[in-house]
Each structure stands twice: as structure tokens, then as C-alpha cells.
Amino acid sequence: MQHIYNIVIVAIINNNDMESTIKINKNIFDESMAIAKQKGVDLSNLVESYLSNLIRRNKDKSKNEDLPEVISSLLGAGEPLDGDDINGRKAYSKYLTEKYK
């Protein structure tokens, strides 16, 4: 038999209480508590951090929806270029200079 916890989430924003109940598997809850303890934070902070990252990734993904999947997968790969080296020519020139010294 699978054990399920009902967890009540209460958010207080501008003196207005917002409450939501979620159901979570006992094993997931227990492991989450262990991770929170290991990181030295409470479960609320751990969940908030995860949800913040999830929202940020979702926003980043929606920005890149018009790009092909193969291009999106390469974003962030490699070293960042200087702000004035938009197309990478300075970086490539520097690479060639170093290579053929």
C-alpha cells in the first residue's frame, strides 16, 4: 500500500492568506526532508527554490521556442564572448594568433 501525505501550503501575501493542499507520496516527502536537512534548509525553502527554478526554466524555454531544437540544445555551450564581439571574429582571431605563434 502506498502512503500519501496531504500537505497544506499556506502563502501569506499582503496580509491575504492563500491556502492549497497537495498530495505527495510518503517516500518523496521523506527523501525531500532528508535533502533539506542535508542542505541545512527547511522544506519550505527547498520547495520554493525548486519552483523558482522551474518557473525560470519555463520562461527561458518559451524565449527559445522559435529556435530549432538542435540550436536550443547548444545555447550556453562554450565560453561567453565579449560584449563587442557579437559574431565571434575577435575570439577566432585571438585563437588563430595563439595557434600560429
N, C-alpha and C. Protein backbone atom coordinates (compact mmCIF):
# COMPACT_ATOMS: atom_id res chain seq x y z
N MET A 1 0.84 -1.17 0.00
CA MET A 1 0.00 0.00 0.00
C MET A 1 0.88 1.24 0.00
N GLN A 2 0.55 2.17 -0.85
CA GLN A 2 1.32 3.40 -0.99
C GLN A 2 0.79 4.45 -0.01
N HIS A 3 1.68 5.01 0.77
CA HIS A 3 1.28 6.04 1.73
C HIS A 3 1.35 7.41 1.07
N ILE A 4 0.33 8.21 1.28
CA ILE A 4 0.25 9.56 0.73
C ILE A 4 0.07 10.54 1.86
N TYR A 5 0.82 11.63 1.82
CA TYR A 5 0.64 12.71 2.79
C TYR A 5 -0.17 13.81 2.13
N ASN A 6 -1.06 14.42 2.89
CA ASN A 6 -1.72 15.65 2.47
C ASN A 6 -0.95 16.78 3.11
N ILE A 7 -0.44 17.68 2.31
CA ILE A 7 0.34 18.80 2.82
C ILE A 7 -0.42 20.08 2.50
N VAL A 8 -0.61 20.89 3.51
CA VAL A 8 -1.29 22.17 3.33
C VAL A 8 -0.22 23.25 3.16
N ILE A 9 -0.33 23.99 2.07
CA ILE A 9 0.59 25.08 1.80
C ILE A 9 -0.16 26.38 2.05
N VAL A 10 0.39 27.21 2.90
CA VAL A 10 -0.23 28.49 3.21
C VAL A 10 0.73 29.59 2.78
N ALA A 11 0.26 30.48 1.92
CA ALA A 11 1.06 31.62 1.49
C ALA A 11 0.38 32.88 2.00
N ILE A 12 1.15 33.73 2.64
CA ILE A 12 0.61 35.00 3.12
C ILE A 12 1.24 36.11 2.30
N ILE A 13 0.41 36.76 1.49
CA ILE A 13 0.87 37.83 0.62
C ILE A 13 0.01 39.05 0.89
N ASN A 14 0.65 40.13 1.31
CA ASN A 14 -0.06 41.37 1.63
C ASN A 14 -1.24 41.12 2.57
N ASN A 15 -0.98 40.38 3.63
CA ASN A 15 -1.97 40.07 4.66
C ASN A 15 -3.16 39.25 4.15
N ASN A 16 -3.05 38.66 2.99
CA ASN A 16 -4.09 37.77 2.46
C ASN A 16 -3.57 36.34 2.49
N ASP A 17 -4.31 35.47 3.15
CA ASP A 17 -3.90 34.06 3.21
C ASP A 17 -4.38 33.34 1.96
N MET A 18 -3.47 32.58 1.37
CA MET A 18 -3.84 31.71 0.26
C MET A 18 -3.43 30.31 0.67
N GLU A 19 -4.32 29.35 0.53
CA GLU A 19 -4.05 28.01 1.01
C GLU A 19 -4.30 27.01 -0.11
N SER A 20 -3.43 26.02 -0.18
CA SER A 20 -3.58 24.96 -1.15
C SER A 20 -3.13 23.66 -0.50
N THR A 21 -3.79 22.57 -0.82
CA THR A 21 -3.42 21.27 -0.30
C THR A 21 -2.90 20.42 -1.45
N ILE A 22 -1.73 19.83 -1.25
CA ILE A 22 -1.19 18.92 -2.25
C ILE A 22 -1.05 17.54 -1.64
N LYS A 23 -1.10 16.54 -2.48
CA LYS A 23 -0.87 15.17 -2.03
C LYS A 23 0.49 14.74 -2.55
N ILE A 24 1.27 14.13 -1.67
CA ILE A 24 2.61 13.73 -2.04
C ILE A 24 2.92 12.35 -1.46
N ASN A 25 3.59 11.55 -2.23
CA ASN A 25 3.99 10.21 -1.81
C ASN A 25 4.90 10.30 -0.60
N LYS A 26 4.72 9.42 0.36
CA LYS A 26 5.50 9.42 1.61
C LYS A 26 6.99 9.31 1.34
N ASN A 27 7.38 8.45 0.42
CA ASN A 27 8.80 8.28 0.11
C ASN A 27 9.41 9.58 -0.43
N ILE A 28 8.68 10.25 -1.31
CA ILE A 28 9.17 11.51 -1.86
C ILE A 28 9.28 12.55 -0.75
N PHE A 29 8.28 12.58 0.13
CA PHE A 29 8.31 13.52 1.24
C PHE A 29 9.51 13.25 2.14
N ASP A 30 9.71 11.99 2.50
CA ASP A 30 10.81 11.63 3.40
C ASP A 30 12.17 11.95 2.77
N GLU A 31 12.33 11.63 1.50
CA GLU A 31 13.60 11.94 0.82
C GLU A 31 13.81 13.44 0.69
N SER A 32 12.73 14.18 0.44
CA SER A 32 12.83 15.64 0.36
C SER A 32 13.24 16.23 1.69
N MET A 33 12.70 15.70 2.77
CA MET A 33 13.08 16.18 4.11
C MET A 33 14.55 15.89 4.38
N ALA A 34 15.02 14.72 3.96
CA ALA A 34 16.43 14.37 4.15
C ALA A 34 17.34 15.30 3.36
N ILE A 35 16.95 15.63 2.13
CA ILE A 35 17.74 16.54 1.30
C ILE A 35 17.76 17.93 1.93
N ALA A 36 16.60 18.39 2.39
CA ALA A 36 16.53 19.69 3.03
C ALA A 36 17.43 19.75 4.26
N LYS A 37 17.40 18.70 5.05
CA LYS A 37 18.24 18.63 6.26
C LYS A 37 19.72 18.64 5.87
N GLN A 38 20.06 17.88 4.83
CA GLN A 38 21.44 17.81 4.36
C GLN A 38 21.93 19.17 3.89
N LYS A 39 21.05 19.94 3.24
CA LYS A 39 21.42 21.26 2.73
C LYS A 39 21.31 22.35 3.80
N GLY A 40 20.74 21.99 4.94
CA GLY A 40 20.61 22.95 6.02
C GLY A 40 19.51 23.97 5.82
N VAL A 41 18.46 23.58 5.09
CA VAL A 41 17.31 24.46 4.87
C VAL A 41 16.05 23.71 5.28
N ASP A 42 14.97 24.45 5.43
CA ASP A 42 13.73 23.74 5.73
C ASP A 42 13.05 23.37 4.41
N LEU A 43 12.06 22.52 4.49
CA LEU A 43 11.39 22.01 3.30
C LEU A 43 10.74 23.14 2.51
N SER A 44 10.22 24.15 3.19
CA SER A 44 9.60 25.28 2.50
C SER A 44 10.59 25.96 1.57
N ASN A 45 11.80 26.21 2.06
CA ASN A 45 12.82 26.85 1.22
C ASN A 45 13.21 25.97 0.05
N LEU A 46 13.31 24.67 0.30
CA LEU A 46 13.67 23.74 -0.76
C LEU A 46 12.61 23.73 -1.86
N VAL A 47 11.35 23.68 -1.47
CA VAL A 47 10.25 23.67 -2.44
C VAL A 47 10.20 25.00 -3.19
N GLU A 48 10.35 26.10 -2.46
CA GLU A 48 10.31 27.42 -3.11
C GLU A 48 11.44 27.57 -4.12
N SER A 49 12.62 27.10 -3.76
CA SER A 49 13.77 27.16 -4.67
C SER A 49 13.50 26.33 -5.93
N TYR A 50 12.97 25.13 -5.74
CA TYR A 50 12.66 24.28 -6.89
C TYR A 50 11.62 24.94 -7.80
N LEU A 51 10.57 25.48 -7.21
CA LEU A 51 9.52 26.11 -8.01
C LEU A 51 10.05 27.34 -8.73
N SER A 52 10.91 28.12 -8.09
CA SER A 52 11.51 29.29 -8.74
C SER A 52 12.34 28.87 -9.95
N ASN A 53 13.15 27.82 -9.78
CA ASN A 53 13.95 27.31 -10.90
C ASN A 53 13.07 26.78 -12.02
N LEU A 54 12.00 26.11 -11.67
CA LEU A 54 11.08 25.58 -12.67
C LEU A 54 10.45 26.71 -13.47
N ILE A 55 10.03 27.77 -12.80
CA ILE A 55 9.44 28.92 -13.49
C ILE A 55 10.46 29.59 -14.39
N ARG A 56 11.69 29.78 -13.88
CA ARG A 56 12.73 30.42 -14.68
C ARG A 56 13.05 29.61 -15.93
N ARG A 57 13.20 28.28 -15.76
CA ARG A 57 13.48 27.42 -16.93
C ARG A 57 12.35 27.47 -17.93
N ASN A 58 11.11 27.52 -17.44
CA ASN A 58 9.96 27.59 -18.33
C ASN A 58 9.97 28.89 -19.13
N LYS A 59 10.32 30.00 -18.46
CA LYS A 59 10.40 31.29 -19.16
C LYS A 59 11.52 31.27 -20.18
N ASP A 60 12.69 30.71 -19.79
CA ASP A 60 13.81 30.63 -20.72
C ASP A 60 13.46 29.76 -21.92
N LYS A 61 12.75 28.68 -21.68
CA LYS A 61 12.36 27.78 -22.77
C LYS A 61 11.40 28.48 -23.72
N SER A 62 10.46 29.26 -23.18
CA SER A 62 9.49 29.93 -24.04
C SER A 62 10.17 31.00 -24.89
N LYS A 63 11.29 31.58 -24.40
CA LYS A 63 12.03 32.55 -25.20
C LYS A 63 12.67 31.89 -26.41
N ASN A 64 13.03 30.62 -26.28
CA ASN A 64 13.75 29.92 -27.35
C ASN A 64 12.86 29.00 -28.17
N GLU A 65 11.54 29.12 -28.04
CA GLU A 65 10.66 28.20 -28.75
C GLU A 65 10.75 28.34 -30.27
N ASP A 66 11.11 29.53 -30.76
CA ASP A 66 11.18 29.73 -32.19
C ASP A 66 12.48 29.18 -32.80
N LEU A 67 13.41 28.75 -31.96
CA LEU A 67 14.65 28.16 -32.44
C LEU A 67 14.51 26.65 -32.62
N PRO A 68 15.18 26.10 -33.62
CA PRO A 68 15.15 24.64 -33.77
C PRO A 68 15.75 23.96 -32.54
N GLU A 69 15.31 22.76 -32.26
CA GLU A 69 15.74 22.01 -31.07
C GLU A 69 17.25 21.87 -31.00
N VAL A 70 17.89 21.60 -32.14
CA VAL A 70 19.34 21.40 -32.14
C VAL A 70 20.07 22.68 -31.75
N ILE A 71 19.56 23.83 -32.15
CA ILE A 71 20.17 25.11 -31.78
C ILE A 71 19.93 25.41 -30.32
N SER A 72 18.71 25.17 -29.84
CA SER A 72 18.38 25.41 -28.44
C SER A 72 19.26 24.57 -27.52
N SER A 73 19.58 23.35 -27.95
CA SER A 73 20.40 22.47 -27.11
C SER A 73 21.82 22.98 -26.99
N LEU A 74 22.27 23.80 -27.92
CA LEU A 74 23.63 24.32 -27.91
C LEU A 74 23.76 25.63 -27.14
N LEU A 75 22.64 26.27 -26.83
CA LEU A 75 22.71 27.54 -26.12
C LEU A 75 23.38 27.34 -24.77
N GLY A 76 24.32 28.20 -24.47
CA GLY A 76 25.04 28.10 -23.22
C GLY A 76 26.30 27.25 -23.31
N ALA A 77 26.46 26.52 -24.42
CA ALA A 77 27.66 25.72 -24.60
C ALA A 77 28.79 26.64 -25.03
N GLY A 78 29.96 26.41 -24.55
CA GLY A 78 31.10 27.22 -24.92
C GLY A 78 31.29 28.41 -24.01
N GLU A 79 32.35 29.15 -24.28
CA GLU A 79 32.68 30.30 -23.45
C GLU A 79 31.95 31.54 -23.95
N PRO A 80 31.53 32.41 -23.04
CA PRO A 80 30.85 33.64 -23.48
C PRO A 80 31.83 34.56 -24.19
N LEU A 81 31.32 35.28 -25.16
CA LEU A 81 32.13 36.23 -25.92
C LEU A 81 32.06 37.59 -25.28
N ASP A 82 33.02 38.45 -25.63
CA ASP A 82 32.97 39.83 -25.17
C ASP A 82 31.73 40.50 -25.74
N GLY A 83 31.24 41.51 -25.05
CA GLY A 83 30.04 42.21 -25.49
C GLY A 83 30.18 42.86 -26.86
N ASP A 84 31.40 43.29 -27.23
CA ASP A 84 31.60 43.94 -28.52
C ASP A 84 32.01 42.94 -29.61
N ASP A 85 32.05 41.66 -29.29
CA ASP A 85 32.43 40.62 -30.24
C ASP A 85 31.22 39.76 -30.56
N ILE A 86 30.22 40.36 -31.18
CA ILE A 86 28.94 39.71 -31.38
C ILE A 86 29.05 38.44 -32.20
N ASN A 87 29.79 38.47 -33.29
CA ASN A 87 29.85 37.30 -34.16
C ASN A 87 31.06 36.40 -33.88
N GLY A 88 31.89 36.75 -32.90
CA GLY A 88 33.00 35.88 -32.51
C GLY A 88 34.26 36.04 -33.32
N ARG A 89 34.33 37.05 -34.17
CA ARG A 89 35.52 37.22 -35.02
C ARG A 89 36.76 37.55 -34.21
N LYS A 90 36.61 38.39 -33.19
CA LYS A 90 37.76 38.74 -32.36
C LYS A 90 38.27 37.50 -31.63
N ALA A 91 37.35 36.71 -31.11
CA ALA A 91 37.74 35.49 -30.39
C ALA A 91 38.44 34.52 -31.34
N TYR A 92 37.94 34.40 -32.57
CA TYR A 92 38.56 33.49 -33.54
C TYR A 92 39.93 34.01 -33.95
N SER A 93 40.04 35.32 -34.13
CA SER A 93 41.32 35.92 -34.48
C SER A 93 42.34 35.68 -33.37
N LYS A 94 41.92 35.84 -32.14
CA LYS A 94 42.79 35.59 -30.99
C LYS A 94 43.22 34.13 -30.96
N TYR A 95 42.27 33.23 -31.24
CA TYR A 95 42.58 31.80 -31.28
C TYR A 95 43.65 31.50 -32.34
N LEU A 96 43.49 32.07 -33.55
CA LEU A 96 44.46 31.83 -34.61
C LEU A 96 45.82 32.41 -34.28
N THR A 97 45.82 33.59 -33.67
CA THR A 97 47.09 34.23 -33.28
C THR A 97 47.85 33.34 -32.29
N GLU A 98 47.13 32.80 -31.31
CA GLU A 98 47.76 31.91 -30.32
C GLU A 98 48.24 30.61 -30.97
N LYS A 99 47.44 30.11 -31.91
CA LYS A 99 47.75 28.82 -32.53
C LYS A 99 49.02 28.90 -33.38
N TYR A 100 49.18 30.02 -34.10
CA TYR A 100 50.30 30.11 -35.04
C TYR A 100 51.42 31.02 -34.54
N LYS A 101 51.64 31.13 -33.26
CA LYS A 101 52.77 31.89 -32.71
C LYS A 101 54.06 31.19 -33.02
